[in-house]
Amino acid sequence: MYINDGAQAIMVLGVCATVAISVVSIGKAYVRSIEANKKAPRQEVAPDVQDRMSRIEQAVDAIAIEVERMSEGQRFTTRLLAERLGDSGRLDLGATQSLGRGVGSDGSNGAGGHYGR
């Protein structure tokens, strides 16, 4: 199928027009966004909101410290249990009971949380 010179010219003109319209539209949208950012001044946060945010930040920091302490305790407990296992690979039940964390008669670990029972 052969395309004559007139059809090729129309196709090239159509592609060029499409690209030009797309570039102009994107440029206008970009300029509008810049102008909108310049027109809308940033509002300062009210002092009471700043105080509240500061208290929330302090609370989150305190929670992070407590979580780190809990994880250190968990690592310590895990290390103690691993040392008690030794090379035999079996845990002495008397050692577990002396830690106060044995398995209860209902299969729980004694930590509470009787969900769905």
PDB file of N, CA and C in Angstrom:
ATOM      1  N   MET A   1       0.848  -1.164   0.000  1.00  0.00           N
ATOM      2  CA  MET A   1       0.000   0.000   0.000  1.00  0.00           C
ATOM      3  C   MET A   1       0.897   1.232   0.000  1.00  0.00           C
ATOM      4  N   TYR A   2       0.701   2.068  -0.980  1.00  0.00           N
ATOM      5  CA  TYR A   2       1.503   3.280  -1.131  1.00  0.00           C
ATOM      6  C   TYR A   2       0.702   4.490  -0.688  1.00  0.00           C
ATOM      7  N   ILE A   3       1.376   5.408  -0.008  1.00  0.00           N
ATOM      8  CA  ILE A   3       0.737   6.640   0.406  1.00  0.00           C
ATOM      9  C   ILE A   3       1.320   7.760  -0.438  1.00  0.00           C
ATOM     10  N   ASN A   4       0.461   8.573  -1.011  1.00  0.00           N
ATOM     11  CA  ASN A   4       0.964   9.657  -1.858  1.00  0.00           C
ATOM     12  C   ASN A   4       1.493  10.810  -1.011  1.00  0.00           C
ATOM     13  N   ASP A   5       2.100  11.758  -1.647  1.00  0.00           N
ATOM     14  CA  ASP A   5       2.741  12.868  -0.937  1.00  0.00           C
ATOM     15  C   ASP A   5       1.742  13.716  -0.158  1.00  0.00           C
ATOM     16  N   GLY A   6       0.549  13.879  -0.658  1.00  0.00           N
ATOM     17  CA  GLY A   6      -0.472  14.674   0.031  1.00  0.00           C
ATOM     18  C   GLY A   6      -0.894  14.028   1.344  1.00  0.00           C
ATOM     19  N   ALA A   7      -1.053  12.702   1.343  1.00  0.00           N
ATOM     20  CA  ALA A   7      -1.453  11.985   2.563  1.00  0.00           C
ATOM     21  C   ALA A   7      -0.332  12.026   3.593  1.00  0.00           C
ATOM     22  N   GLN A   8       0.910  11.901   3.132  1.00  0.00           N
ATOM     23  CA  GLN A   8       2.041  11.974   4.056  1.00  0.00           C
ATOM     24  C   GLN A   8       2.139  13.359   4.685  1.00  0.00           C
ATOM     25  N   ALA A   9       1.909  14.362   3.933  1.00  0.00           N
ATOM     26  CA  ALA A   9       1.973  15.727   4.452  1.00  0.00           C
ATOM     27  C   ALA A   9       0.891  15.955   5.497  1.00  0.00           C
ATOM     28  N   ILE A  10      -0.302  15.438   5.253  1.00  0.00           N
ATOM     29  CA  ILE A  10      -1.397  15.591   6.217  1.00  0.00           C
ATOM     30  C   ILE A  10      -1.077  14.847   7.510  1.00  0.00           C
ATOM     31  N   MET A  11      -0.502  13.640   7.412  1.00  0.00           N
ATOM     32  CA  MET A  11      -0.157  12.872   8.622  1.00  0.00           C
ATOM     33  C   MET A  11       0.937  13.576   9.419  1.00  0.00           C
ATOM     34  N   VAL A  12       1.952  14.082   8.750  1.00  0.00           N
ATOM     35  CA  VAL A  12       3.031  14.793   9.446  1.00  0.00           C
ATOM     36  C   VAL A  12       2.494  16.051  10.103  1.00  0.00           C
ATOM     37  N   LEU A  13       1.636  16.759   9.397  1.00  0.00           N
ATOM     38  CA  LEU A  13       1.041  17.967   9.967  1.00  0.00           C
ATOM     39  C   LEU A  13       0.184  17.633  11.189  1.00  0.00           C
ATOM     40  N   GLY A  14      -0.568  16.545  11.126  1.00  0.00           N
ATOM     41  CA  GLY A  14      -1.394  16.125  12.266  1.00  0.00           C
ATOM     42  C   GLY A  14      -0.555  15.763  13.481  1.00  0.00           C
ATOM     43  N   VAL A  15       0.532  15.028  13.267  1.00  0.00           N
ATOM     44  CA  VAL A  15       1.416  14.651  14.378  1.00  0.00           C
ATOM     45  C   VAL A  15       2.057  15.892  14.983  1.00  0.00           C
ATOM     46  N   CYS A  16       2.531  16.793  14.149  1.00  0.00           N
ATOM     47  CA  CYS A  16       3.147  18.026  14.662  1.00  0.00           C
ATOM     48  C   CYS A  16       2.146  18.858  15.446  1.00  0.00           C
ATOM     49  N   ALA A  17       0.925  18.948  14.954  1.00  0.00           N
ATOM     50  CA  ALA A  17      -0.106  19.719  15.659  1.00  0.00           C
ATOM     51  C   ALA A  17      -0.419  19.086  17.013  1.00  0.00           C
ATOM     52  N   THR A  18      -0.508  17.758  17.056  1.00  0.00           N
ATOM     53  CA  THR A  18      -0.787  17.066  18.321  1.00  0.00           C
ATOM     54  C   THR A  18       0.320  17.318  19.335  1.00  0.00           C
ATOM     55  N   VAL A  19       1.568  17.224  18.909  1.00  0.00           N
ATOM     56  CA  VAL A  19       2.697  17.459  19.811  1.00  0.00           C
ATOM     57  C   VAL A  19       2.697  18.912  20.285  1.00  0.00           C
ATOM     58  N   ALA A  20       2.441  19.842  19.402  1.00  0.00           N
ATOM     59  CA  ALA A  20       2.442  21.261  19.769  1.00  0.00           C
ATOM     60  C   ALA A  20       1.338  21.562  20.781  1.00  0.00           C
ATOM     61  N   ILE A  21       0.143  21.040  20.537  1.00  0.00           N
ATOM     62  CA  ILE A  21      -0.965  21.278  21.473  1.00  0.00           C
ATOM     63  C   ILE A  21      -0.646  20.676  22.836  1.00  0.00           C
ATOM     64  N   SER A  22      -0.054  19.487  22.862  1.00  0.00           N
ATOM     65  CA  SER A  22       0.286  18.843  24.134  1.00  0.00           C
ATOM     66  C   SER A  22       1.322  19.652  24.908  1.00  0.00           C
ATOM     67  N   VAL A  23       2.351  20.131  24.221  1.00  0.00           N
ATOM     68  CA  VAL A  23       3.400  20.907  24.886  1.00  0.00           C
ATOM     69  C   VAL A  23       2.843  22.214  25.432  1.00  0.00           C
ATOM     70  N   VAL A  24       1.990  22.884  24.654  1.00  0.00           N
ATOM     71  CA  VAL A  24       1.405  24.147  25.109  1.00  0.00           C
ATOM     72  C   VAL A  24       0.505  23.909  26.325  1.00  0.00           C
ATOM     73  N   SER A  25      -0.287  22.847  26.311  1.00  0.00           N
ATOM     74  CA  SER A  25      -1.181  22.556  27.443  1.00  0.00           C
ATOM     75  C   SER A  25      -0.394  22.259  28.712  1.00  0.00           C
ATOM     76  N   ILE A  26       0.646  21.460  28.588  1.00  0.00           N
ATOM     77  CA  ILE A  26       1.472  21.146  29.761  1.00  0.00           C
ATOM     78  C   ILE A  26       2.157  22.408  30.277  1.00  0.00           C
ATOM     79  N   GLY A  27       2.631  23.252  29.396  1.00  0.00           N
ATOM     80  CA  GLY A  27       3.270  24.509  29.803  1.00  0.00           C
ATOM     81  C   GLY A  27       2.312  25.417  30.545  1.00  0.00           C
ATOM     82  N   LYS A  28       1.066  25.536  30.028  1.00  0.00           N
ATOM     83  CA  LYS A  28       0.077  26.378  30.711  1.00  0.00           C
ATOM     84  C   LYS A  28      -0.239  25.838  32.100  1.00  0.00           C
ATOM     85  N   ALA A  29      -0.393  24.519  32.212  1.00  0.00           N
ATOM     86  CA  ALA A  29      -0.686  23.919  33.516  1.00  0.00           C
ATOM     87  C   ALA A  29       0.454  24.176  34.496  1.00  0.00           C
ATOM     88  N   TYR A  30       1.687  24.096  34.018  1.00  0.00           N
ATOM     89  CA  TYR A  30       2.845  24.341  34.880  1.00  0.00           C
ATOM     90  C   TYR A  30       2.879  25.788  35.350  1.00  0.00           C
ATOM     91  N   VAL A  31       2.626  26.720  34.451  1.00  0.00           N
ATOM     92  CA  VAL A  31       2.624  28.149  34.807  1.00  0.00           C
ATOM     93  C   VAL A  31       1.513  28.444  35.811  1.00  0.00           C
ATOM     94  N   ARG A  32       0.334  27.846  35.605  1.00  0.00           N
ATOM     95  CA  ARG A  32      -0.778  28.050  36.557  1.00  0.00           C
ATOM     96  C   ARG A  32      -0.422  27.527  37.940  1.00  0.00           C
ATOM     97  N   SER A  33       0.238  26.383  38.011  1.00  0.00           N
ATOM     98  CA  SER A  33       0.593  25.837  39.326  1.00  0.00           C
ATOM     99  C   SER A  33       1.605  26.735  40.031  1.00  0.00           C
ATOM    100  N   ILE A  34       2.540  27.301  39.283  1.00  0.00           N
ATOM    101  CA  ILE A  34       3.514  28.225  39.892  1.00  0.00           C
ATOM    102  C   ILE A  34       2.797  29.473  40.407  1.00  0.00           C
ATOM    103  N   GLU A  35       1.877  30.020  39.611  1.00  0.00           N
ATOM    104  CA  GLU A  35       1.137  31.208  40.039  1.00  0.00           C
ATOM    105  C   GLU A  35       0.263  30.920  41.254  1.00  0.00           C
ATOM    106  N   ALA A  36      -0.347  29.742  41.288  1.00  0.00           N
ATOM    107  CA  ALA A  36      -1.197  29.390  42.431  1.00  0.00           C
ATOM    108  C   ALA A  36      -0.368  29.288  43.708  1.00  0.00           C
ATOM    109  N   ASN A  37       0.838  28.756  43.608  1.00  0.00           N
ATOM    110  CA  ASN A  37       1.702  28.656  44.785  1.00  0.00           C
ATOM    111  C   ASN A  37       2.146  30.032  45.268  1.00  0.00           C
ATOM    112  N   LYS A  38       2.336  30.964  44.350  1.00  0.00           N
ATOM    113  CA  LYS A  38       2.737  32.315  44.746  1.00  0.00           C
ATOM    114  C   LYS A  38       1.589  33.073  45.391  1.00  0.00           C
ATOM    115  N   LYS A  39       0.364  32.850  44.901  1.00  0.00           N
ATOM    116  CA  LYS A  39      -0.791  33.585  45.414  1.00  0.00           C
ATOM    117  C   LYS A  39      -1.224  33.099  46.793  1.00  0.00           C
ATOM    118  N   ALA A  40      -1.112  31.820  47.049  1.00  0.00           N
ATOM    119  CA  ALA A  40      -1.571  31.265  48.324  1.00  0.00           C
ATOM    120  C   ALA A  40      -0.443  31.359  49.347  1.00  0.00           C
ATOM    121  N   PRO A  41      -0.511  32.351  50.246  1.00  0.00           N
ATOM    122  CA  PRO A  41       0.537  32.453  51.262  1.00  0.00           C
ATOM    123  C   PRO A  41       0.398  31.319  52.279  1.00  0.00           C
ATOM    124  N   ARG A  42       1.506  30.880  52.757  1.00  0.00           N
ATOM    125  CA  ARG A  42       1.508  29.813  53.764  1.00  0.00           C
ATOM    126  C   ARG A  42       0.999  30.381  55.082  1.00  0.00           C
ATOM    127  N   GLN A  43       0.027  29.716  55.642  1.00  0.00           N
ATOM    128  CA  GLN A  43      -0.520  30.183  56.909  1.00  0.00           C
ATOM    129  C   GLN A  43       0.333  29.642  58.052  1.00  0.00           C
ATOM    130  N   GLU A  44       0.584  30.495  58.995  1.00  0.00           N
ATOM    131  CA  GLU A  44       1.334  30.088  60.169  1.00  0.00           C
ATOM    132  C   GLU A  44       0.433  29.235  61.062  1.00  0.00           C
ATOM    133  N   VAL A  45       1.042  28.302  61.738  1.00  0.00           N
ATOM    134  CA  VAL A  45       0.299  27.429  62.638  1.00  0.00           C
ATOM    135  C   VAL A  45       0.042  28.187  63.939  1.00  0.00           C
ATOM    136  N   ALA A  46      -1.162  28.053  64.442  1.00  0.00           N
ATOM    137  CA  ALA A  46      -1.532  28.743  65.678  1.00  0.00           C
ATOM    138  C   ALA A  46      -0.665  28.233  66.834  1.00  0.00           C
ATOM    139  N   PRO A  47      -0.418  29.093  67.826  1.00  0.00           N
ATOM    140  CA  PRO A  47       0.437  28.683  68.950  1.00  0.00           C
ATOM    141  C   PRO A  47      -0.109  27.484  69.723  1.00  0.00           C
ATOM    142  N   ASP A  48      -1.421  27.395  69.882  1.00  0.00           N
ATOM    143  CA  ASP A  48      -1.965  26.253  70.625  1.00  0.00           C
ATOM    144  C   ASP A  48      -1.756  24.952  69.856  1.00  0.00           C
ATOM    145  N   VAL A  49      -1.806  25.025  68.537  1.00  0.00           N
ATOM    146  CA  VAL A  49      -1.549  23.830  67.729  1.00  0.00           C
ATOM    147  C   VAL A  49      -0.075  23.452  67.816  1.00  0.00           C
ATOM    148  N   GLN A  50       0.797  24.450  67.846  1.00  0.00           N
ATOM    149  CA  GLN A  50       2.226  24.161  67.988  1.00  0.00           C
ATOM    150  C   GLN A  50       2.509  23.501  69.332  1.00  0.00           C
ATOM    151  N   ASP A  51       1.857  23.987  70.389  1.00  0.00           N
ATOM    152  CA  ASP A  51       2.035  23.381  71.709  1.00  0.00           C
ATOM    153  C   ASP A  51       1.560  21.932  71.711  1.00  0.00           C
ATOM    154  N   ARG A  52       0.409  21.710  71.094  1.00  0.00           N
ATOM    155  CA  ARG A  52      -0.139  20.346  71.038  1.00  0.00           C
ATOM    156  C   ARG A  52       0.794  19.423  70.257  1.00  0.00           C
ATOM    157  N   MET A  53       1.304  19.914  69.132  1.00  0.00           N
ATOM    158  CA  MET A  53       2.219  19.100  68.331  1.00  0.00           C
ATOM    159  C   MET A  53       3.496  18.797  69.108  1.00  0.00           C
ATOM    160  N   SER A  54       3.963  19.753  69.881  1.00  0.00           N
ATOM    161  CA  SER A  54       5.153  19.541  70.697  1.00  0.00           C
ATOM    162  C   SER A  54       4.905  18.461  71.750  1.00  0.00           C
ATOM    163  N   ARG A  55       3.734  18.499  72.381  1.00  0.00           N
ATOM    164  CA  ARG A  55       3.408  17.463  73.377  1.00  0.00           C
ATOM    165  C   ARG A  55       3.278  16.096  72.723  1.00  0.00           C
ATOM    166  N   ILE A  56       2.695  16.050  71.534  1.00  0.00           N
ATOM    167  CA  ILE A  56       2.566  14.769  70.829  1.00  0.00           C
ATOM    168  C   ILE A  56       3.955  14.231  70.481  1.00  0.00           C
ATOM    169  N   GLU A  57       4.840  15.106  70.045  1.00  0.00           N
ATOM    170  CA  GLU A  57       6.197  14.678  69.706  1.00  0.00           C
ATOM    171  C   GLU A  57       6.914  14.119  70.930  1.00  0.00           C
ATOM    172  N   GLN A  58       6.746  14.777  72.084  1.00  0.00           N
ATOM    173  CA  GLN A  58       7.368  14.280  73.309  1.00  0.00           C
ATOM    174  C   GLN A  58       6.786  12.931  73.716  1.00  0.00           C
ATOM    175  N   ALA A  59       5.470  12.766  73.544  1.00  0.00           N
ATOM    176  CA  ALA A  59       4.831  11.493  73.885  1.00  0.00           C
ATOM    177  C   ALA A  59       5.329  10.370  72.980  1.00  0.00           C
ATOM    178  N   VAL A  60       5.473  10.656  71.713  1.00  0.00           N
ATOM    179  CA  VAL A  60       5.966   9.638  70.781  1.00  0.00           C
ATOM    180  C   VAL A  60       7.407   9.269  71.121  1.00  0.00           C
ATOM    181  N   ASP A  61       8.213  10.246  71.481  1.00  0.00           N
ATOM    182  CA  ASP A  61       9.584   9.951  71.888  1.00  0.00           C
ATOM    183  C   ASP A  61       9.612   9.070  73.129  1.00  0.00           C
ATOM    184  N   ALA A  62       8.754   9.375  74.100  1.00  0.00           N
ATOM    185  CA  ALA A  62       8.703   8.571  75.321  1.00  0.00           C
ATOM    186  C   ALA A  62       8.256   7.145  75.010  1.00  0.00           C
ATOM    187  N   ILE A  63       7.288   7.001  74.127  1.00  0.00           N
ATOM    188  CA  ILE A  63       6.827   5.661  73.749  1.00  0.00           C
ATOM    189  C   ILE A  63       7.945   4.898  73.051  1.00  0.00           C
ATOM    190  N   ALA A  64       8.692   5.573  72.195  1.00  0.00           N
ATOM    191  CA  ALA A  64       9.799   4.917  71.500  1.00  0.00           C
ATOM    192  C   ALA A  64      10.847   4.414  72.491  1.00  0.00           C
ATOM    193  N   ILE A  65      11.127   5.206  73.518  1.00  0.00           N
ATOM    194  CA  ILE A  65      12.100   4.792  74.530  1.00  0.00           C
ATOM    195  C   ILE A  65      11.589   3.576  75.289  1.00  0.00           C
ATOM    196  N   GLU A  66      10.308   3.576  75.646  1.00  0.00           N
ATOM    197  CA  GLU A  66       9.739   2.439  76.375  1.00  0.00           C
ATOM    198  C   GLU A  66       9.737   1.176  75.526  1.00  0.00           C
ATOM    199  N   VAL A  67       9.432   1.312  74.249  1.00  0.00           N
ATOM    200  CA  VAL A  67       9.456   0.144  73.356  1.00  0.00           C
ATOM    201  C   VAL A  67      10.873  -0.400  73.255  1.00  0.00           C
ATOM    202  N   GLU A  68      11.858   0.472  73.190  1.00  0.00           N
ATOM    203  CA  GLU A  68      13.246   0.021  73.142  1.00  0.00           C
ATOM    204  C   GLU A  68      13.616  -0.711  74.427  1.00  0.00           C
ATOM    205  N   ARG A  69      13.159  -0.225  75.564  1.00  0.00           N
ATOM    206  CA  ARG A  69      13.433  -0.911  76.834  1.00  0.00           C
ATOM    207  C   ARG A  69      12.790  -2.290  76.853  1.00  0.00           C
ATOM    208  N   MET A  70      11.561  -2.369  76.349  1.00  0.00           N
ATOM    209  CA  MET A  70      10.881  -3.670  76.310  1.00  0.00           C
ATOM    210  C   MET A  70      11.618  -4.642  75.390  1.00  0.00           C
ATOM    211  N   SER A  71      12.101  -4.153  74.272  1.00  0.00           N
ATOM    212  CA  SER A  71      12.819  -5.043  73.360  1.00  0.00           C
ATOM    213  C   SER A  71      14.145  -5.492  73.970  1.00  0.00           C
ATOM    214  N   GLU A  72      14.806  -4.612  74.721  1.00  0.00           N
ATOM    215  CA  GLU A  72      16.034  -5.013  75.423  1.00  0.00           C
ATOM    216  C   GLU A  72      15.722  -6.111  76.439  1.00  0.00           C
ATOM    217  N   GLY A  73      14.618  -5.956  77.160  1.00  0.00           N
ATOM    218  CA  GLY A  73      14.211  -6.984  78.121  1.00  0.00           C
ATOM    219  C   GLY A  73      13.905  -8.313  77.431  1.00  0.00           C
ATOM    220  N   GLN A  74      13.268  -8.240  76.284  1.00  0.00           N
ATOM    221  CA  GLN A  74      12.962  -9.455  75.531  1.00  0.00           C
ATOM    222  C   GLN A  74      14.243 -10.132  75.062  1.00  0.00           C
ATOM    223  N   ARG A  75      15.205  -9.350  74.587  1.00  0.00           N
ATOM    224  CA  ARG A  75      16.482  -9.930  74.162  1.00  0.00           C
ATOM    225  C   ARG A  75      17.210 -10.570  75.346  1.00  0.00           C
ATOM    226  N   PHE A  76      17.151  -9.913  76.504  1.00  0.00           N
ATOM    227  CA  PHE A  76      17.796 -10.460  77.689  1.00  0.00           C
ATOM    228  C   PHE A  76      17.158 -11.784  78.085  1.00  0.00           C
ATOM    229  N   THR A  77      15.830 -11.831  78.097  1.00  0.00           N
ATOM    230  CA  THR A  77      15.115 -13.053  78.461  1.00  0.00           C
ATOM    231  C   THR A  77      15.421 -14.163  77.465  1.00  0.00           C
ATOM    232  N   THR A  78      15.455 -13.826  76.205  1.00  0.00           N
ATOM    233  CA  THR A  78      15.761 -14.822  75.180  1.00  0.00           C
ATOM    234  C   THR A  78      17.167 -15.364  75.361  1.00  0.00           C
ATOM    235  N   ARG A  79      18.108 -14.489  75.682  1.00  0.00           N
ATOM    236  CA  ARG A  79      19.477 -14.938  75.898  1.00  0.00           C
ATOM    237  C   ARG A  79      19.571 -15.848  77.121  1.00  0.00           C
ATOM    238  N   LEU A  80      18.851 -15.506  78.200  1.00  0.00           N
ATOM    239  CA  LEU A  80      18.849 -16.364  79.389  1.00  0.00           C
ATOM    240  C   LEU A  80      18.297 -17.739  79.068  1.00  0.00           C
ATOM    241  N   LEU A  81      17.200 -17.779  78.340  1.00  0.00           N
ATOM    242  CA  LEU A  81      16.610 -19.073  77.990  1.00  0.00           C
ATOM    243  C   LEU A  81      17.532 -19.870  77.076  1.00  0.00           C
ATOM    244  N   ALA A  82      18.212 -19.189  76.173  1.00  0.00           N
ATOM    245  CA  ALA A  82      19.132 -19.885  75.280  1.00  0.00           C
ATOM    246  C   ALA A  82      20.311 -20.454  76.067  1.00  0.00           C
ATOM    247  N   GLU A  83      20.784 -19.731  77.072  1.00  0.00           N
ATOM    248  CA  GLU A  83      21.879 -20.235  77.898  1.00  0.00           C
ATOM    249  C   GLU A  83      21.441 -21.441  78.709  1.00  0.00           C
ATOM    250  N   ARG A  84      20.191 -21.463  79.160  1.00  0.00           N
ATOM    251  CA  ARG A  84      19.689 -22.593  79.937  1.00  0.00           C
ATOM    252  C   ARG A  84      19.494 -23.821  79.055  1.00  0.00           C
ATOM    253  N   LEU A  85      19.212 -23.612  77.795  1.00  0.00           N
ATOM    254  CA  LEU A  85      19.078 -24.749  76.890  1.00  0.00           C
ATOM    255  C   LEU A  85      20.407 -25.465  76.744  1.00  0.00           C
ATOM    256  N   GLY A  86      21.450 -24.695  76.642  1.00  0.00           N
ATOM    257  CA  GLY A  86      22.786 -25.264  76.514  1.00  0.00           C
ATOM    258  C   GLY A  86      22.928 -26.074  75.241  1.00  0.00           C
ATOM    259  N   ASP A  87      23.750 -27.116  75.309  1.00  0.00           N
ATOM    260  CA  ASP A  87      24.015 -27.945  74.140  1.00  0.00           C
ATOM    261  C   ASP A  87      22.960 -29.030  73.963  1.00  0.00           C
ATOM    262  N   SER A  88      22.212 -29.354  75.011  1.00  0.00           N
ATOM    263  CA  SER A  88      21.252 -30.460  74.910  1.00  0.00           C
ATOM    264  C   SER A  88      20.072 -30.124  74.011  1.00  0.00           C
ATOM    265  N   GLY A  89      19.750 -28.850  73.865  1.00  0.00           N
ATOM    266  CA  GLY A  89      18.634 -28.456  73.010  1.00  0.00           C
ATOM    267  C   GLY A  89      17.287 -28.616  73.677  1.00  0.00           C
ATOM    268  N   ARG A  90      17.273 -29.010  74.955  1.00  0.00           N
ATOM    269  CA  ARG A  90      16.009 -29.165  75.676  1.00  0.00           C
ATOM    270  C   ARG A  90      15.992 -28.210  76.853  1.00  0.00           C
ATOM    271  N   LEU A  91      14.835 -27.666  77.109  1.00  0.00           N
ATOM    272  CA  LEU A  91      14.688 -26.714  78.203  1.00  0.00           C
ATOM    273  C   LEU A  91      14.286 -27.454  79.455  1.00  0.00           C
ATOM    274  N   ASP A  92      14.936 -27.153  80.568  1.00  0.00           N
ATOM    275  CA  ASP A  92      14.580 -27.737  81.853  1.00  0.00           C
ATOM    276  C   ASP A  92      13.311 -27.062  82.345  1.00  0.00           C
ATOM    277  N   LEU A  93      12.243 -27.848  82.569  1.00  0.00           N
ATOM    278  CA  LEU A  93      10.965 -27.264  82.985  1.00  0.00           C
ATOM    279  C   LEU A  93      11.066 -26.593  84.338  1.00  0.00           C
ATOM    280  N   GLY A  94      11.929 -27.082  85.207  1.00  0.00           N
ATOM    281  CA  GLY A  94      12.110 -26.443  86.504  1.00  0.00           C
ATOM    282  C   GLY A  94      12.670 -25.042  86.347  1.00  0.00           C
ATOM    283  N   ALA A  95      13.546 -24.860  85.384  1.00  0.00           N
ATOM    284  CA  ALA A  95      14.114 -23.546  85.123  1.00  0.00           C
ATOM    285  C   ALA A  95      13.053 -22.605  84.589  1.00  0.00           C
ATOM    286  N   THR A  96      12.154 -23.136  83.771  1.00  0.00           N
ATOM    287  CA  THR A  96      11.087 -22.301  83.222  1.00  0.00           C
ATOM    288  C   THR A  96      10.135 -21.871  84.324  1.00  0.00           C
ATOM    289  N   GLN A  97       9.799 -22.776  85.208  1.00  0.00           N
ATOM    290  CA  GLN A  97       8.895 -22.434  86.293  1.00  0.00           C
ATOM    291  C   GLN A  97       9.532 -21.437  87.250  1.00  0.00           C
ATOM    292  N   SER A  98      10.852 -21.494  87.414  1.00  0.00           N
ATOM    293  CA  SER A  98      11.497 -20.546  88.319  1.00  0.00           C
ATOM    294  C   SER A  98      11.471 -19.137  87.746  1.00  0.00           C
ATOM    295  N   LEU A  99      11.345 -19.021  86.424  1.00  0.00           N
ATOM    296  CA  LEU A  99      11.226 -17.700  85.823  1.00  0.00           C
ATOM    297  C   LEU A  99       9.816 -17.146  85.981  1.00  0.00           C
ATOM    298  N   GLY A 100       8.870 -18.001  86.387  1.00  0.00           N
ATOM    299  CA  GLY A 100       7.508 -17.533  86.580  1.00  0.00           C
ATOM    300  C   GLY A 100       6.729 -17.472  85.281  1.00  0.00           C
ATOM    301  N   ARG A 101       7.206 -18.175  84.273  1.00  0.00           N
ATOM    302  CA  ARG A 101       6.542 -18.123  82.981  1.00  0.00           C
ATOM    303  C   ARG A 101       6.339 -19.525  82.440  1.00  0.00           C
ATOM    304  N   GLY A 102       5.650 -20.344  83.120  1.00  0.00           N
ATOM    305  CA  GLY A 102       5.390 -21.680  82.615  1.00  0.00           C
ATOM    306  C   GLY A 102       4.128 -21.699  81.786  1.00  0.00           C
ATOM    307  N   VAL A 103       3.894 -22.821  81.155  1.00  0.00           N
ATOM    308  CA  VAL A 103       2.681 -22.974  80.373  1.00  0.00           C
ATOM    309  C   VAL A 103       1.576 -23.384  81.319  1.00  0.00           C
ATOM    310  N   GLY A 104       0.463 -22.676  81.274  1.00  0.00           N
ATOM    311  CA  GLY A 104      -0.647 -22.961  82.160  1.00  0.00           C
ATOM    312  C   GLY A 104      -1.392 -24.219  81.757  1.00  0.00           C
ATOM    313  N   SER A 105      -2.314 -24.654  82.603  1.00  0.00           N
ATOM    314  CA  SER A 105      -3.076 -25.871  82.316  1.00  0.00           C
ATOM    315  C   SER A 105      -3.986 -25.687  81.108  1.00  0.00           C
ATOM    316  N   ASP A 106      -4.314 -24.443  80.776  1.00  0.00           N
ATOM    317  CA  ASP A 106      -5.174 -24.193  79.614  1.00  0.00           C
ATOM    318  C   ASP A 106      -4.363 -23.946  78.350  1.00  0.00           C
ATOM    319  N   GLY A 107      -3.057 -24.126  78.396  1.00  0.00           N
ATOM    320  CA  GLY A 107      -2.220 -23.943  77.219  1.00  0.00           C
ATOM    321  C   GLY A 107      -1.726 -22.526  77.041  1.00  0.00           C
ATOM    322  N   SER A 108      -2.112 -21.620  77.949  1.00  0.00           N
ATOM    323  CA  SER A 108      -1.656 -20.240  77.813  1.00  0.00           C
ATOM    324  C   SER A 108      -0.265 -20.101  78.402  1.00  0.00           C
ATOM    325  N   ASN A 109       0.382 -19.011  78.138  1.00  0.00           N
ATOM    326  CA  ASN A 109       1.724 -18.788  78.672  1.00  0.00           C
ATOM    327  C   ASN A 109       1.693 -18.001  79.973  1.00  0.00           C
ATOM    328  N   GLY A 110       0.509 -17.736  80.496  1.00  0.00           N
ATOM    329  CA  GLY A 110       0.397 -17.033  81.749  1.00  0.00           C
ATOM    330  C   GLY A 110       0.444 -15.526  81.594  1.00  0.00           C
ATOM    331  N   ALA A 111       0.460 -15.025  80.358  1.00  0.00           N
ATOM    332  CA  ALA A 111       0.560 -13.593  80.133  1.00  0.00           C
ATOM    333  C   ALA A 111      -0.808 -12.934  80.026  1.00  0.00           C
ATOM    334  N   GLY A 112      -1.861 -13.695  80.245  1.00  0.00           N
ATOM    335  CA  GLY A 112      -3.193 -13.119  80.146  1.00  0.00           C
ATOM    336  C   GLY A 112      -3.667 -13.103  78.711  1.00  0.00           C
ATOM    337  N   GLY A 113      -4.638 -12.286  78.428  1.00  0.00           N
ATOM    338  CA  GLY A 113      -5.129 -12.174  77.071  1.00  0.00           C
ATOM    339  C   GLY A 113      -5.939 -13.355  76.621  1.00  0.00           C
ATOM    340  N   HIS A 114      -6.967 -13.675  77.360  1.00  0.00           N
ATOM    341  CA  HIS A 114      -7.823 -14.806  77.002  1.00  0.00           C
ATOM    342  C   HIS A 114      -8.813 -14.345  75.955  1.00  0.00           C
ATOM    343  N   TYR A 115      -8.350 -14.204  74.751  1.00  0.00           N
ATOM    344  CA  TYR A 115      -9.201 -13.720  73.662  1.00  0.00           C
ATOM    345  C   TYR A 115     -10.055 -14.871  73.132  1.00  0.00           C
ATOM    346  N   GLY A 116     -11.323 -14.620  72.999  1.00  0.00           N
ATOM    347  CA  GLY A 116     -12.237 -15.583  72.386  1.00  0.00           C
ATOM    348  C   GLY A 116     -12.520 -16.792  73.235  1.00  0.00           C
ATOM    349  N   ARG A 117     -12.206 -16.760  74.522  1.00  0.00           N
ATOM    350  CA  ARG A 117     -12.471 -17.913  75.394  1.00  0.00           C
ATOM    351  C   ARG A 117     -13.626 -17.630  76.290  1.00  0.00           C
TER     352      ARG A 117
END
